[in-house]
Protein backbone atom coordinates (compact mmCIF):
# COMPACT_ATOMS: atom_id res chain seq x y z
CA MET A 1 27.87 10.49 2.14
CA GLY A 2 26.67 13.41 0.11
CA THR A 3 25.49 12.64 -3.14
CA ALA A 4 25.87 9.11 -4.55
CA THR A 5 24.78 6.06 -6.89
CA MET A 6 22.82 3.27 -5.42
CA ALA A 7 25.80 1.10 -6.31
CA GLN A 8 28.09 3.14 -3.77
CA ALA A 9 25.27 3.15 -1.51
CA LEU A 10 25.16 -0.64 -1.47
CA ASN A 11 29.28 -0.81 -1.24
CA THR A 12 29.22 1.53 1.63
CA ALA A 13 26.43 -0.33 3.39
CA LEU A 14 28.70 -3.82 2.59
CA ARG A 15 31.81 -1.93 3.86
CA ASP A 16 29.99 -0.82 7.38
CA ALA A 17 28.51 -4.14 7.68
CA LEU A 18 32.44 -5.87 7.33
CA ARG A 19 33.74 -3.08 10.02
CA GLU A 20 31.06 -3.89 12.13
CA ASP A 21 30.67 -7.32 12.48
CA GLU A 22 33.63 -9.58 11.92
CA HIS A 23 31.34 -12.74 11.10
CA VAL A 24 30.13 -10.93 8.19
CA LEU A 25 31.62 -12.72 4.91
CA VAL A 26 31.49 -11.49 1.33
CA PHE A 27 31.65 -14.05 -1.42
CA GLY A 28 30.47 -14.89 -4.86
CA GLU A 29 32.05 -14.94 -8.29
CA ASP A 30 34.31 -12.23 -9.21
CA VAL A 31 33.23 -9.92 -6.05
CA GLY A 32 37.01 -9.94 -4.70
CA ARG A 33 39.70 -8.45 -7.04
CA LEU A 34 37.48 -7.36 -9.94
CA GLY A 35 34.75 -5.74 -7.30
CA GLY A 36 31.66 -7.69 -9.10
CA VAL A 37 30.20 -7.71 -12.36
CA PHE A 38 28.43 -4.16 -11.48
CA ARG A 39 31.63 -2.97 -9.14
CA ILE A 40 29.38 -3.73 -6.05
CA THR A 41 32.04 -5.13 -3.80
CA ASP A 42 34.80 -2.68 -5.09
CA GLY A 43 37.35 -2.20 -3.15
CA LEU A 44 36.28 -4.32 -0.29
CA THR A 45 39.13 -7.09 -0.32
CA ASP A 46 41.84 -4.89 -0.70
CA ALA A 47 40.10 -3.36 2.64
CA PHE A 48 39.46 -6.39 4.75
CA GLY A 49 41.36 -9.04 3.15
CA GLU A 50 40.87 -12.21 1.26
CA GLN A 51 39.33 -14.00 4.22
CA ARG A 52 36.45 -11.48 4.66
CA CYS A 53 35.79 -10.53 0.78
CA PHE A 54 36.60 -13.52 -1.84
CA ASP A 55 35.54 -15.15 -5.05
CA THR A 56 34.43 -18.34 -5.23
CA PRO A 57 34.12 -20.89 -8.48
CA LEU A 58 31.40 -20.56 -10.99
CA ALA A 59 29.02 -22.44 -9.26
CA GLU A 60 25.89 -21.07 -7.59
CA SER A 61 24.68 -24.22 -5.97
CA GLY A 62 28.12 -24.73 -4.30
CA LEU A 63 28.29 -20.72 -3.15
CA VAL A 64 24.93 -20.70 -1.64
CA GLY A 65 25.32 -24.27 0.18
CA LEU A 66 28.63 -23.06 1.34
CA ALA A 67 26.70 -20.14 2.77
CA VAL A 68 24.13 -22.45 4.19
CA GLY A 69 26.65 -24.05 6.55
CA LEU A 70 28.88 -20.97 7.45
CA ALA A 71 25.36 -19.39 8.84
CA MET A 72 24.89 -22.66 10.75
CA GLY A 73 28.54 -21.99 12.07
CA GLY A 74 27.76 -18.55 13.64
CA PHE A 75 28.86 -16.34 10.25
CA ARG A 76 26.83 -14.05 8.29
CA PRO A 77 27.46 -14.53 4.86
CA VAL A 78 26.38 -11.96 1.99
CA VAL A 79 26.66 -13.82 -1.40
CA GLU A 80 26.49 -11.88 -4.67
CA ILE A 81 24.76 -13.60 -7.66
CA GLN A 82 25.94 -11.83 -10.89
CA PHE A 83 22.81 -12.01 -12.58
CA ASP A 84 19.27 -12.78 -11.74
CA ALA A 85 18.81 -15.99 -13.80
CA PHE A 86 22.29 -17.13 -12.61
CA ALA A 87 20.77 -17.69 -9.20
CA TYR A 88 18.10 -20.78 -10.78
CA PRO A 89 21.38 -23.42 -10.10
CA ALA A 90 20.94 -22.72 -6.62
CA PHE A 91 17.33 -22.92 -6.19
CA GLU A 92 17.28 -26.31 -4.75
CA GLN A 93 19.42 -24.98 -2.20
CA ILE A 94 17.69 -21.70 -1.65
CA THR A 95 13.76 -23.45 -1.45
CA SER A 96 15.34 -26.98 0.58
CA HIS A 97 17.76 -25.49 2.95
CA VAL A 98 18.06 -21.97 2.96
CA ALA A 99 14.15 -21.34 3.28
CA LYS A 100 13.35 -24.09 5.71
CA MET A 101 16.49 -24.42 8.27
CA ARG A 102 14.58 -22.74 10.82
CA ASN A 103 11.54 -24.51 10.95
CA ARG A 104 12.99 -27.66 10.29
CA THR A 105 14.90 -27.38 13.46
CA ARG A 106 11.94 -26.05 15.49
CA GLY A 107 13.69 -22.71 16.00
CA ARG A 108 16.98 -23.64 17.16
CA VAL A 109 18.66 -23.10 13.66
CA ALA A 110 18.64 -19.70 11.91
CA LEU A 111 20.23 -18.72 8.67
CA PRO A 112 21.47 -15.18 9.01
CA MET A 113 22.10 -14.72 5.30
CA VAL A 114 21.76 -12.49 2.46
CA LEU A 115 21.59 -13.55 -1.20
CA ARG A 116 21.99 -10.37 -3.46
CA ILE A 117 20.87 -11.13 -6.47
CA PRO A 118 20.94 -7.69 -9.41
CA TYR A 119 17.76 -8.66 -11.35
CA GLY A 120 14.84 -6.52 -13.91
CA GLY A 121 15.78 -5.09 -17.08
CA GLY A 122 16.10 -1.77 -18.63
CA ILE A 123 20.26 -1.93 -19.23
CA GLY A 124 19.96 -3.78 -22.70
CA GLY A 125 20.60 -7.27 -21.69
CA VAL A 126 19.68 -10.72 -22.96
CA GLU A 127 17.84 -13.21 -21.85
CA HIS A 128 19.33 -14.80 -18.21
CA HIS A 129 20.61 -11.25 -17.67
CA SER A 130 17.27 -9.27 -17.15
CA ASP A 131 14.76 -11.62 -15.49
CA SER A 132 12.45 -10.65 -12.66
CA SER A 133 12.41 -13.54 -10.35
CA GLU A 134 11.03 -11.97 -7.32
CA ALA A 135 7.69 -14.14 -7.17
CA TYR A 136 9.83 -17.21 -6.84
CA TYR A 137 11.34 -16.42 -3.51
CA ALA A 138 8.25 -14.27 -2.41
CA HIS A 139 6.04 -17.67 -2.92
CA THR A 140 8.71 -19.98 -0.86
CA PRO A 141 7.78 -19.58 3.09
CA GLY A 142 10.89 -18.54 5.25
CA LEU A 143 12.47 -16.30 3.01
CA LYS A 144 12.45 -12.38 3.16
CA VAL A 145 12.15 -10.60 -0.12
CA VAL A 146 13.65 -6.82 -0.29
CA THR A 147 13.82 -4.72 -3.49
CA PRO A 148 15.25 -0.79 -3.19
CA ALA A 149 13.99 1.90 -5.10
CA THR A 150 15.85 4.69 -3.90
CA VAL A 151 19.66 4.96 -2.86
CA GLU A 152 18.78 5.67 0.50
CA ASP A 153 17.02 2.58 1.18
CA ALA A 154 19.61 0.51 -0.87
CA TYR A 155 22.08 1.25 2.13
CA TRP A 156 19.43 1.19 5.01
CA LEU A 157 17.75 -1.78 3.81
CA LEU A 158 21.09 -3.72 3.13
CA ARG A 159 22.20 -3.05 6.52
CA ASP A 160 18.75 -4.38 7.66
CA ALA A 161 19.12 -7.43 5.94
CA VAL A 162 22.58 -8.33 7.33
CA ARG A 163 21.75 -7.75 10.83
CA ASP A 164 18.44 -9.79 10.29
CA PRO A 165 18.29 -13.50 12.05
CA ASP A 166 16.54 -14.86 9.00
CA PRO A 167 17.97 -15.41 5.27
CA VAL A 168 16.90 -12.23 3.13
CA VAL A 169 16.58 -12.37 -0.63
CA PHE A 170 17.88 -8.75 -1.42
CA LEU A 171 16.97 -7.96 -5.05
CA GLU A 172 18.63 -5.16 -6.46
CA PRO A 173 17.51 -3.11 -9.71
CA LYS A 174 19.96 -3.12 -11.78
CA LYS A 175 18.81 -0.30 -13.86
CA LEU A 176 18.93 1.97 -10.80
CA TYR A 177 22.27 1.34 -9.83
CA TRP A 178 23.58 4.70 -11.75
CA SER A 179 20.47 6.62 -9.87
CA LYS A 180 21.68 9.45 -7.69
CA GLN A 181 20.58 10.88 -4.33
CA ASP A 182 21.90 13.27 -1.58
CA ILE A 183 21.84 10.85 1.67
CA ASP A 184 22.98 11.38 4.97
CA LEU A 185 24.32 8.38 6.53
CA GLU A 186 24.75 9.80 10.12
CA ARG A 187 20.79 9.65 10.55
CA ARG A 188 18.14 7.59 9.37
CA GLY A 189 15.80 8.74 7.15
CA THR A 190 13.71 5.65 6.18
CA ALA A 191 11.72 3.00 7.71
CA ALA A 192 12.70 -0.15 8.47
CA LEU A 193 12.76 -3.45 6.42
CA GLY A 194 9.07 -4.67 6.02
CA ARG A 195 7.31 -1.24 5.87
CA ALA A 196 6.11 0.36 2.79
CA VAL A 197 6.34 3.97 2.14
CA VAL A 198 4.28 6.58 0.20
CA ARG A 199 6.57 8.08 -2.22
CA ARG A 200 3.89 10.86 -3.51
CA PRO A 201 0.59 11.45 -1.79
CA GLY A 202 -2.66 11.85 -3.39
CA ARG A 203 -6.32 11.53 -3.93
CA ASP A 204 -7.81 9.64 -7.14
CA ALA A 205 -5.85 6.50 -7.27
CA THR A 206 -2.89 4.68 -5.71
CA LEU A 207 0.13 3.43 -7.78
CA VAL A 208 1.65 0.50 -6.01
CA ALA A 209 5.41 -0.53 -7.46
CA TYR A 210 8.41 -1.69 -5.94
CA GLY A 211 11.86 -1.86 -7.35
CA PRO A 212 12.82 -0.62 -10.63
CA SER A 213 8.95 -0.12 -11.14
CA VAL A 214 8.76 3.07 -8.41
CA PRO A 215 10.36 5.35 -10.99
CA VAL A 216 7.96 4.89 -13.43
CA ALA A 217 5.15 5.37 -11.27
CA LEU A 218 6.34 8.46 -10.05
CA ASP A 219 6.93 9.74 -13.54
CA ALA A 220 3.37 8.45 -14.58
CA ALA A 221 2.05 10.41 -11.60
CA ALA A 222 3.86 13.31 -12.61
CA GLU A 223 2.28 13.10 -15.99
CA ALA A 224 -1.09 12.45 -14.93
CA ALA A 225 -0.97 15.82 -12.27
CA ARG A 226 -0.55 17.66 -15.60
CA GLU A 227 -4.04 16.42 -16.74
CA GLY A 228 -5.75 16.88 -13.29
CA LEU A 229 -5.34 13.54 -11.98
CA ASP A 230 -3.71 13.48 -8.64
CA LEU A 231 -1.96 10.08 -8.21
CA GLU A 232 -0.63 8.29 -4.56
CA VAL A 233 2.45 6.00 -5.29
CA VAL A 234 3.43 3.31 -2.83
CA ASP A 235 6.59 1.77 -2.82
CA LEU A 236 6.59 -1.49 -1.14
CA ARG A 237 10.28 -1.65 -0.30
CA THR A 238 9.61 -5.22 0.91
CA LEU A 239 7.59 -8.01 -0.89
CA VAL A 240 8.17 -10.48 2.14
CA PRO A 241 6.84 -9.27 4.54
CA PHE A 242 4.22 -7.38 2.89
CA ASP A 243 3.12 -4.06 4.60
CA ASP A 244 -0.97 -4.63 4.25
CA GLU A 245 -1.39 -1.76 6.45
CA THR A 246 0.11 1.28 4.30
CA VAL A 247 -1.15 -0.15 0.88
CA VAL A 248 -4.33 -0.79 2.29
CA ALA A 249 -4.91 2.43 4.23
CA SER A 250 -3.67 4.40 0.94
CA VAL A 251 -6.65 2.51 -1.26
CA ARG A 252 -9.12 3.20 1.00
CA ARG A 253 -8.40 6.75 0.48
CA THR A 254 -8.25 7.08 -3.17
CA GLY A 255 -10.64 4.29 -3.91
CA ARG A 256 -8.68 3.12 -7.18
CA CYS A 257 -5.16 1.20 -7.44
CA VAL A 258 -3.27 0.06 -10.50
CA VAL A 259 -0.44 -2.40 -9.39
CA VAL A 260 3.25 -2.24 -11.51
CA GLN A 261 5.50 -4.34 -12.01
CA GLU A 262 8.12 -5.33 -14.55
CA ALA A 263 7.70 -9.70 -14.17
CA GLN A 264 5.20 -11.38 -16.62
CA GLY A 265 1.92 -10.67 -15.18
CA PHE A 266 0.69 -14.56 -14.98
CA ALA A 267 0.96 -15.30 -11.37
CA ALA A 268 3.51 -12.88 -10.47
CA ALA A 269 3.77 -10.94 -7.20
CA GLY A 270 1.48 -8.22 -8.27
CA ALA A 271 -1.33 -11.07 -8.52
CA GLU A 272 -0.93 -11.25 -4.74
CA ILE A 273 -1.10 -7.81 -4.33
CA VAL A 274 -4.47 -7.29 -6.34
CA ALA A 275 -5.97 -10.26 -4.09
CA ARG A 276 -5.11 -8.85 -1.32
CA VAL A 277 -6.12 -4.95 -1.66
CA GLN A 278 -9.51 -6.58 -3.27
CA GLU A 279 -10.27 -9.02 -0.06
CA ARG A 280 -9.39 -6.13 2.15
CA CYS A 281 -10.89 -2.78 0.51
CA PHE A 282 -13.44 -4.21 -1.35
CA HIS A 283 -16.04 -1.54 -0.21
CA SER A 284 -13.96 1.35 -0.90
CA LEU A 285 -13.31 0.40 -4.41
CA ALA A 286 -14.73 2.29 -6.98
CA ALA A 287 -12.85 0.42 -9.49
CA PRO A 288 -11.28 -3.03 -10.30
CA VAL A 289 -7.69 -3.52 -9.15
CA LEU A 290 -5.58 -3.38 -12.59
CA ARG A 291 -1.98 -4.50 -12.95
CA VAL A 292 0.64 -3.02 -15.62
CA ALA A 293 3.24 -5.80 -15.88
CA GLY A 294 5.52 -7.29 -18.59
CA PHE A 295 4.38 -9.46 -21.37
CA ASP A 296 4.14 -13.39 -20.84
CA ILE A 297 7.00 -14.13 -22.90
CA PRO A 298 10.68 -14.73 -21.96
CA TYR A 299 12.38 -11.56 -21.99
CA PRO A 300 12.91 -10.27 -25.44
CA PRO A 301 15.78 -8.94 -27.04
CA PRO A 302 17.43 -5.97 -26.22
CA LYS A 303 15.63 -3.81 -28.95
CA LEU A 304 12.48 -4.92 -27.79
CA GLU A 305 12.54 -4.30 -23.97
CA HIS A 306 11.32 -0.67 -24.38
CA VAL A 307 7.82 -2.62 -25.48
CA HIS A 308 8.17 -5.20 -22.82
CA LEU A 309 8.89 -3.42 -20.03
CA PRO A 310 5.88 -1.14 -18.68
CA GLY A 311 6.18 2.50 -19.34
CA VAL A 312 4.46 5.82 -18.17
CA ASP A 313 1.89 5.64 -21.36
CA ARG A 314 0.68 2.06 -20.28
CA VAL A 315 0.28 3.31 -16.58
CA LEU A 316 -1.42 6.25 -17.54
CA ALA A 317 -3.84 4.13 -19.72
CA ALA A 318 -4.41 1.88 -16.95
CA VAL A 319 -5.22 4.82 -14.69
CA HIS A 320 -7.53 6.24 -17.23
CA ARG A 321 -9.59 3.03 -17.13
CA LEU A 322 -10.12 3.44 -13.72
CA GLN A 323 -11.60 6.95 -13.87
CA TYR A 324 -14.29 6.03 -16.65
CA ASP A 325 -16.74 3.58 -17.32
CA ASP A 326 -17.47 3.80 -20.79
CA GLU A 327 -14.40 2.82 -23.65
CA PRO A 328 -11.05 2.58 -22.25
CA ASP A 329 -8.76 5.80 -22.61
CA THR A 330 -6.24 4.76 -25.05
CA ARG A 331 -4.53 8.16 -25.45
CA HIS A 332 -1.38 7.17 -24.22
CA LEU A 333 -0.90 4.00 -26.25
CA ALA A 334 -0.80 5.85 -29.38
CA ARG A 335 2.78 6.74 -28.44
CA GLY A 336 3.92 3.59 -29.37
CA VAL A 337 3.95 1.48 -26.05
CA ALA A 338 1.45 -1.18 -26.04
């Protein structure tokens, strides 16, 4: 494929899935002729027809309910929700039916469907357009929750999600849609769904991140290296199933851990990650596990999102708290990021 953006990789994944399996359907609001708000489905209707990629009314609960029926009937629907918070009207369908159908039928009825949801901030969007809603889905048994951070993962994880026999909530970091990478689609170079990967090896502390926070963690690790600190970065890739093995192995090596996420800190996915690390790595830890997260407020106006979203400065401030037993190091906070 050569150099591609994440948006192009996702488009190619859907195109290949539609070509490979006639039971795959793609639908949602404006995904047909317009090609989606972010143009992820651009050209799919022209290539496969309106029976395979089509527009729906502006009714999220209706289109998710339609996907449930189609999946029960043998199709593999891929539903696009325009923005993260637009999925909330469909939440009852997702938690009561999508997540529970296999259990309700004692395994006789599976729902092989994908809910594609652009999420997170960093694009200057207002509320209802920048939520990080991953904790709602991760807390719901019966759902797999996936979020890529690289172009290559966007392609392969979406292919995995479409083939999966169970429902997958596929969270796409909006601010990474235009990130670029050289990828070779003839040969898979990424791990399968359900496995985390070490993006950068290190020895002094582990940064655990996912989705839009992975580039932040990598930038923080690069900055820390100039100060003599060697940070390891673990990209979770999937929140459910959670890869305890990779995370635990990393933290046991480094003895220190910071979890980085865009979502608000209270009762978020990061809190579960901290609990799992503390339980499994307690005797290896040289310091408490810390979190760097968004503030516990509704998403702020665009001009303030740079303060709300965790950046390199806040990550490095947390890393320095791990390194010293006395007063927290505040050098990085002096740059204007709280």
